[in-house]
Amino acid sequence: MAENVNEPIGIILINKPQGWTSFDVCSKLRGILRTKKIGHTGTLDPMATGVLPVLVGKAARAADILPESDKEYRAGFKLGLETDTQDITGKVLDMSERAVTRGQLEKALSSFVGEYMQTPPMYSAVKVDGKKLYEYAREGKEIKREPKRRFVKYITLESYDEGTREGVIALSVSKGTYIRTLIADAAEVLGTFGVMTALERTKACGFNIKDCLTVEQVQALADEGKLFKAMKGLDGIFEEYPEVRLDKRRTVLYKNGVKLRPEQVGIKGFDKESRYRIVSDEGRLISIAYVDIDKNEVRALRNFY
């Protein structure tokens, strides 16, 4: 099948505005780009802002095969308050007047650095028996959840007012970590409650907040006919995988579905977990692949042509 070089393909880095869902952003970009082929790399709650990589065209096929990568955030919090959603937008369930010093808070936060078993909150998109937890929560039902293994790389207390018990933390966590739950868990260690008051994702998939565009900037670039030039390639997300550059003949063979042997394309010392960026003779990323050890052949995990 011939490749449509005019079809938009790549990544648009959006600074998601507060109050928008990740779906809202994708819906808006579908209208701007006039394409239905759009996906995103990780949901942000409506109250959150920050890095939202949006995959456009055939790049959307990569949504479920992205490498695991830590995400970085800045989060506002308030101690002494408990809500059903673990953030400031929820229904207040309880309050505490317990005083917490900066030193006590720093010690509690540091105890979460490293491996961390976290129970997903009821107001989340985690599915149980085919139904999302927040759907149960809206029905007033509490569902048993199994703790998930997470990893916290660092937590820094950027600011904290002992009088109002409000502050800001910066942190780096593994995929799937709920920041509002971590705040609530840290508050519990201190014998009080805690809610998240603001959240900004500052890094995801290797991209920083400074690289992002607002929705308004995207619209302006589209109006000027410059948006496609501002899009990032998929290579940035998959740069941790070794590159396998094909010559012209093998590029044609690969695109036609011919299974190449690893030694034909220079792959050595592989195992079943190894992943590779397959690049055409023109330097275009055309596939993420692995080696089928039993059949000794290179097989596509996902194609982008």
Protein backbone atom coordinates (compact mmCIF):
# COMPACT_ATOMS: atom_id res chain seq x y z
CA MET A 1 0.00 0.00 0.00
CA ALA A 2 1.41 3.38 -0.98
CA GLU A 3 2.19 5.78 1.83
CA ASN A 4 0.20 9.01 1.85
CA VAL A 5 2.96 11.51 2.58
CA ASN A 6 0.39 14.33 2.82
CA GLU A 7 -1.42 12.74 5.74
CA PRO A 8 -0.50 14.45 9.03
CA ILE A 9 1.46 12.12 11.28
CA GLY A 10 3.33 12.96 14.44
CA ILE A 11 2.90 14.47 17.88
CA ILE A 12 1.43 17.79 18.96
CA LEU A 13 2.46 18.72 22.48
CA ILE A 14 -0.45 20.42 24.22
CA ASN A 15 -0.43 22.35 27.48
CA LYS A 16 -3.86 21.13 28.55
CA PRO A 17 -6.01 23.92 29.95
CA GLN A 18 -7.77 23.57 33.29
CA GLY A 19 -11.38 22.45 33.03
CA TRP A 20 -10.82 20.47 29.82
CA THR A 21 -10.78 16.69 29.68
CA SER A 22 -8.13 14.96 27.59
CA PHE A 23 -10.99 13.92 25.28
CA ASP A 24 -12.01 17.59 24.90
CA VAL A 25 -8.49 18.41 23.67
CA CYS A 26 -8.54 15.57 21.13
CA SER A 27 -12.01 16.58 19.94
CA LYS A 28 -10.86 20.18 19.41
CA LEU A 29 -7.77 19.05 17.47
CA ARG A 30 -9.86 16.77 15.26
CA GLY A 31 -11.73 19.86 14.17
CA ILE A 32 -8.59 21.95 13.64
CA LEU A 33 -6.74 19.22 11.72
CA ARG A 34 -9.82 17.82 10.01
CA THR A 35 -8.85 14.26 10.87
CA LYS A 36 -10.44 11.57 13.05
CA LYS A 37 -7.12 9.81 13.65
CA ILE A 38 -6.13 11.37 16.96
CA GLY A 39 -5.26 9.90 20.36
CA HIS A 40 -3.40 10.93 23.49
CA THR A 41 -0.70 9.32 25.61
CA GLY A 42 -2.13 9.67 29.11
CA THR A 43 -5.30 11.02 30.66
CA LEU A 44 -5.21 14.16 32.79
CA ASP A 45 -8.07 15.01 35.14
CA PRO A 46 -10.13 18.08 34.13
CA MET A 47 -8.64 20.16 36.98
CA ALA A 48 -5.09 19.33 35.84
CA THR A 49 -2.99 21.26 33.34
CA GLY A 50 0.27 20.55 31.55
CA VAL A 51 1.93 18.16 29.16
CA LEU A 52 -0.48 16.16 27.00
CA PRO A 53 1.20 14.58 23.96
CA VAL A 54 -1.44 14.13 21.25
CA LEU A 55 -0.79 11.52 18.56
CA VAL A 56 -1.95 12.49 15.09
CA GLY A 57 -2.69 10.29 12.07
CA LYS A 58 -1.00 6.91 12.00
CA ALA A 59 1.01 7.96 15.05
CA ALA A 60 -2.18 7.26 17.05
CA ARG A 61 -1.40 3.56 16.56
CA ALA A 62 1.42 4.00 19.08
CA ALA A 63 -0.87 4.90 21.99
CA ASP A 64 -0.81 1.44 23.57
CA ILE A 65 2.85 0.55 22.97
CA LEU A 66 4.61 3.60 24.39
CA PRO A 67 7.66 2.85 26.57
CA GLU A 68 7.15 3.12 30.31
CA SER A 69 8.49 6.46 31.43
CA ASP A 70 8.38 8.50 34.62
CA LYS A 71 6.16 11.55 34.69
CA GLU A 72 6.91 14.79 36.53
CA TYR A 73 4.37 17.02 38.26
CA ARG A 74 3.90 20.11 40.41
CA ALA A 75 0.95 19.75 42.75
CA GLY A 76 -0.74 22.10 45.18
CA PHE A 77 -2.18 20.61 48.36
CA LYS A 78 -4.01 21.46 51.55
CA LEU A 79 -3.81 19.49 54.79
CA GLY A 80 -6.68 19.07 57.24
CA LEU A 81 -9.36 18.39 54.63
CA GLU A 82 -10.79 15.13 53.28
CA THR A 83 -13.03 14.88 50.19
CA ASP A 84 -14.58 11.97 48.30
CA THR A 85 -12.42 12.70 45.23
CA GLN A 86 -9.19 13.41 47.17
CA ASP A 87 -9.01 16.84 45.53
CA ILE A 88 -10.45 20.26 46.28
CA THR A 89 -13.37 19.77 43.85
CA GLY A 90 -14.94 16.92 45.83
CA LYS A 91 -17.54 16.68 48.57
CA VAL A 92 -16.06 17.41 52.01
CA LEU A 93 -16.14 14.29 54.21
CA ASP A 94 -14.09 15.34 57.22
CA MET A 95 -11.75 17.98 58.61
CA SER A 96 -8.85 18.10 61.07
CA GLU A 97 -7.20 20.95 62.96
CA ARG A 98 -4.00 18.99 63.57
CA ALA A 99 -0.91 21.19 63.14
CA VAL A 100 1.87 19.94 60.87
CA THR A 101 5.33 21.50 60.74
CA ARG A 102 7.44 21.71 57.61
CA GLY A 103 9.92 19.23 59.08
CA GLN A 104 7.17 16.70 59.85
CA LEU A 105 5.77 17.04 56.35
CA GLU A 106 9.15 16.63 54.67
CA LYS A 107 9.80 13.47 56.70
CA ALA A 108 6.40 12.01 55.76
CA LEU A 109 6.85 12.79 52.06
CA SER A 110 10.33 11.28 51.99
CA SER A 111 8.93 8.00 53.29
CA PHE A 112 7.13 7.55 49.97
CA VAL A 113 10.27 7.79 47.82
CA GLY A 114 11.04 4.43 46.24
CA GLU A 115 8.64 1.56 45.80
CA TYR A 116 5.13 2.43 46.90
CA MET A 117 1.98 0.28 47.05
CA GLN A 118 -0.92 2.55 46.11
CA THR A 119 -4.63 1.73 46.21
CA PRO A 120 -6.42 3.35 43.24
CA PRO A 121 -9.01 5.95 44.32
CA MET A 122 -12.72 5.32 43.78
CA TYR A 123 -12.89 8.40 41.56
CA SER A 124 -10.65 6.98 38.84
CA ALA A 125 -10.97 5.31 35.43
CA VAL A 126 -9.67 1.95 36.67
CA LYS A 127 -12.08 -0.77 35.57
CA VAL A 128 -13.54 -3.47 37.82
CA ASP A 129 -15.79 -6.06 36.15
CA GLY A 130 -15.92 -3.92 33.02
CA LYS A 131 -17.09 -0.80 34.82
CA LYS A 132 -15.04 2.27 35.77
CA LEU A 133 -14.54 2.94 39.47
CA TYR A 134 -15.89 6.48 39.24
CA GLU A 135 -19.15 5.07 37.88
CA TYR A 136 -19.50 2.95 41.02
CA ALA A 137 -18.54 5.98 43.14
CA ARG A 138 -21.28 8.10 41.57
CA GLU A 139 -23.74 5.38 42.55
CA GLY A 140 -22.53 5.59 46.13
CA LYS A 141 -20.80 2.22 46.00
CA GLU A 142 -17.39 1.39 47.48
CA ILE A 143 -15.54 -1.33 45.55
CA LYS A 144 -12.62 -3.34 46.91
CA ARG A 145 -9.41 -2.36 45.08
CA GLU A 146 -6.09 -4.12 45.04
CA PRO A 147 -2.98 -1.99 45.75
CA LYS A 148 -0.74 -1.40 42.72
CA ARG A 149 3.04 -1.26 42.75
CA ARG A 150 4.26 2.25 41.93
CA PHE A 151 7.62 4.01 42.12
CA VAL A 152 8.37 7.51 43.35
CA LYS A 153 11.69 8.85 42.07
CA TYR A 154 11.70 12.01 44.16
CA ILE A 155 9.43 14.42 46.05
CA THR A 156 10.49 18.00 46.79
CA LEU A 157 8.51 20.28 49.08
CA GLU A 158 8.75 23.56 47.17
CA SER A 159 6.67 25.64 49.56
CA TYR A 160 4.58 25.18 52.69
CA ASP A 161 2.69 27.59 54.95
CA GLU A 162 2.34 26.09 58.45
CA GLY A 163 -0.52 28.48 59.21
CA THR A 164 -2.79 27.60 56.29
CA ARG A 165 -1.26 24.10 55.89
CA GLU A 166 -1.10 24.70 52.14
CA GLY A 167 1.86 24.11 49.87
CA VAL A 168 3.33 22.84 46.62
CA ILE A 169 5.32 19.69 45.87
CA ALA A 170 7.33 18.71 42.80
CA LEU A 171 7.69 15.01 42.11
CA SER A 172 8.58 12.32 39.59
CA VAL A 173 6.54 9.11 39.60
CA SER A 174 5.97 5.99 37.54
CA LYS A 175 3.07 5.62 35.14
CA GLY A 176 -0.29 5.08 36.80
CA THR A 177 0.49 6.93 40.04
CA TYR A 178 -2.34 9.08 41.39
CA ILE A 179 -0.87 12.28 42.88
CA ARG A 180 -4.03 13.09 44.88
CA THR A 181 -3.90 9.65 46.47
CA LEU A 182 -0.23 10.08 47.35
CA ILE A 183 -1.07 13.39 49.04
CA ALA A 184 -3.91 11.75 51.00
CA ASP A 185 -1.63 8.86 51.99
CA ALA A 186 1.12 11.22 53.16
CA ALA A 187 -1.42 13.17 55.23
CA GLU A 188 -2.62 9.94 56.82
CA VAL A 189 0.95 9.23 57.97
CA LEU A 190 0.82 12.62 59.71
CA GLY A 191 -2.46 11.81 61.44
CA THR A 192 -4.52 14.23 59.36
CA PHE A 193 -6.21 14.56 55.98
CA GLY A 194 -4.99 16.06 52.72
CA VAL A 195 -6.38 17.03 49.33
CA MET A 196 -4.83 18.12 46.05
CA THR A 197 -5.68 21.72 45.10
CA ALA A 198 -3.90 21.99 41.74
CA LEU A 199 -1.90 19.78 39.39
CA GLU A 200 0.44 20.52 36.51
CA ARG A 201 2.19 17.74 34.59
CA THR A 202 5.58 19.19 33.71
CA LYS A 203 7.05 16.21 31.87
CA ALA A 204 5.71 13.14 30.05
CA CYS A 205 7.11 10.81 27.38
CA GLY A 206 10.38 12.74 27.55
CA PHE A 207 8.71 16.05 26.65
CA ASN A 208 8.74 19.14 28.89
CA ILE A 209 6.10 21.76 29.54
CA LYS A 210 8.26 24.37 27.77
CA ASP A 211 7.85 22.37 24.54
CA CYS A 212 4.05 22.55 24.66
CA LEU A 213 1.55 24.69 22.79
CA THR A 214 -1.75 26.04 24.03
CA VAL A 215 -4.90 25.15 22.10
CA GLU A 216 -5.05 28.78 20.96
CA GLN A 217 -1.49 28.60 19.59
CA VAL A 218 -2.36 25.41 17.72
CA GLN A 219 -5.34 27.12 16.13
CA ALA A 220 -3.19 30.12 15.13
CA LEU A 221 -0.53 27.90 13.56
CA ALA A 222 -3.22 25.97 11.67
CA ASP A 223 -4.69 29.24 10.37
CA GLU A 224 -1.22 30.19 9.10
CA GLY A 225 -0.67 26.76 7.53
CA LYS A 226 2.34 26.11 9.80
CA LEU A 227 0.97 23.50 12.21
CA PHE A 228 2.39 20.41 10.51
CA LYS A 229 5.88 21.91 10.67
CA ALA A 230 5.46 22.35 14.44
CA MET A 231 4.62 18.69 14.99
CA LYS A 232 7.17 16.35 16.58
CA GLY A 233 8.15 12.99 15.14
CA LEU A 234 7.51 9.70 16.92
CA ASP A 235 11.25 9.10 17.14
CA GLY A 236 11.43 11.24 20.27
CA ILE A 237 9.15 8.91 22.20
CA PHE A 238 10.90 5.75 21.06
CA GLU A 239 14.49 7.03 21.14
CA GLU A 240 15.43 4.53 23.86
CA TYR A 241 14.98 1.72 21.33
CA PRO A 242 17.94 0.94 19.02
CA GLU A 243 17.53 2.17 15.46
CA VAL A 244 17.53 -0.32 12.58
CA ARG A 245 18.06 1.51 9.28
CA LEU A 246 16.91 -0.39 6.19
CA ASP A 247 18.26 0.11 2.69
CA LYS A 248 15.87 0.80 -0.17
CA ARG A 249 15.35 -2.85 -1.12
CA ARG A 250 14.72 -4.03 2.44
CA THR A 251 12.41 -1.06 3.05
CA VAL A 252 10.23 -2.24 0.18
CA LEU A 253 10.36 -5.84 1.38
CA TYR A 254 9.47 -4.88 4.95
CA LYS A 255 6.52 -2.73 3.86
CA ASN A 256 5.27 -5.58 1.69
CA GLY A 257 5.17 -7.87 4.69
CA VAL A 258 8.28 -9.93 3.94
CA LYS A 259 9.73 -11.25 7.21
CA LEU A 260 13.41 -10.37 7.45
CA ARG A 261 15.88 -12.24 9.64
CA PRO A 262 17.62 -10.22 12.36
CA GLU A 263 21.06 -10.83 10.82
CA GLN A 264 19.79 -9.36 7.52
CA VAL A 265 19.20 -6.00 9.17
CA GLY A 266 22.12 -6.00 11.58
CA ILE A 267 20.31 -6.93 14.79
CA LYS A 268 22.55 -8.79 17.24
CA GLY A 269 22.39 -9.87 20.89
CA PHE A 270 18.61 -9.65 21.17
CA ASP A 271 16.10 -11.22 23.54
CA LYS A 272 12.30 -11.51 23.53
CA GLU A 273 11.91 -8.17 25.35
CA SER A 274 14.03 -6.15 22.91
CA ARG A 275 12.30 -3.49 20.81
CA TYR A 276 13.65 -1.68 17.73
CA ARG A 277 12.90 1.43 15.71
CA ILE A 278 12.67 0.35 12.07
CA VAL A 279 13.64 3.30 9.87
CA SER A 280 13.25 3.44 6.09
CA ASP A 281 15.99 4.31 3.63
CA GLU A 282 14.56 7.85 3.62
CA GLY A 283 15.01 8.17 7.38
CA ARG A 284 11.32 7.82 8.25
CA LEU A 285 10.20 5.77 11.27
CA ILE A 286 8.02 3.05 9.76
CA SER A 287 7.68 0.52 12.54
CA ILE A 288 8.37 -0.58 16.09
CA ALA A 289 9.44 -4.21 15.96
CA TYR A 290 10.76 -7.16 17.94
CA VAL A 291 12.47 -10.43 17.10
CA ASP A 292 10.41 -13.60 17.11
CA ILE A 293 13.06 -15.86 18.60
CA ASP A 294 11.29 -19.11 17.70
CA LYS A 295 11.02 -18.16 14.02
CA ASN A 296 14.20 -16.03 13.91
CA GLU A 297 12.47 -13.17 12.12
CA VAL A 298 11.78 -9.49 12.68
CA ARG A 299 8.11 -8.89 13.37
CA ALA A 300 6.23 -5.60 13.64
CA LEU A 301 4.71 -4.60 16.93
CA ARG A 302 3.12 -1.59 15.22
CA ASN A 303 3.51 -0.13 11.71
CA PHE A 304 3.25 3.54 10.81
CA TYR A 305 2.97 3.38 7.02
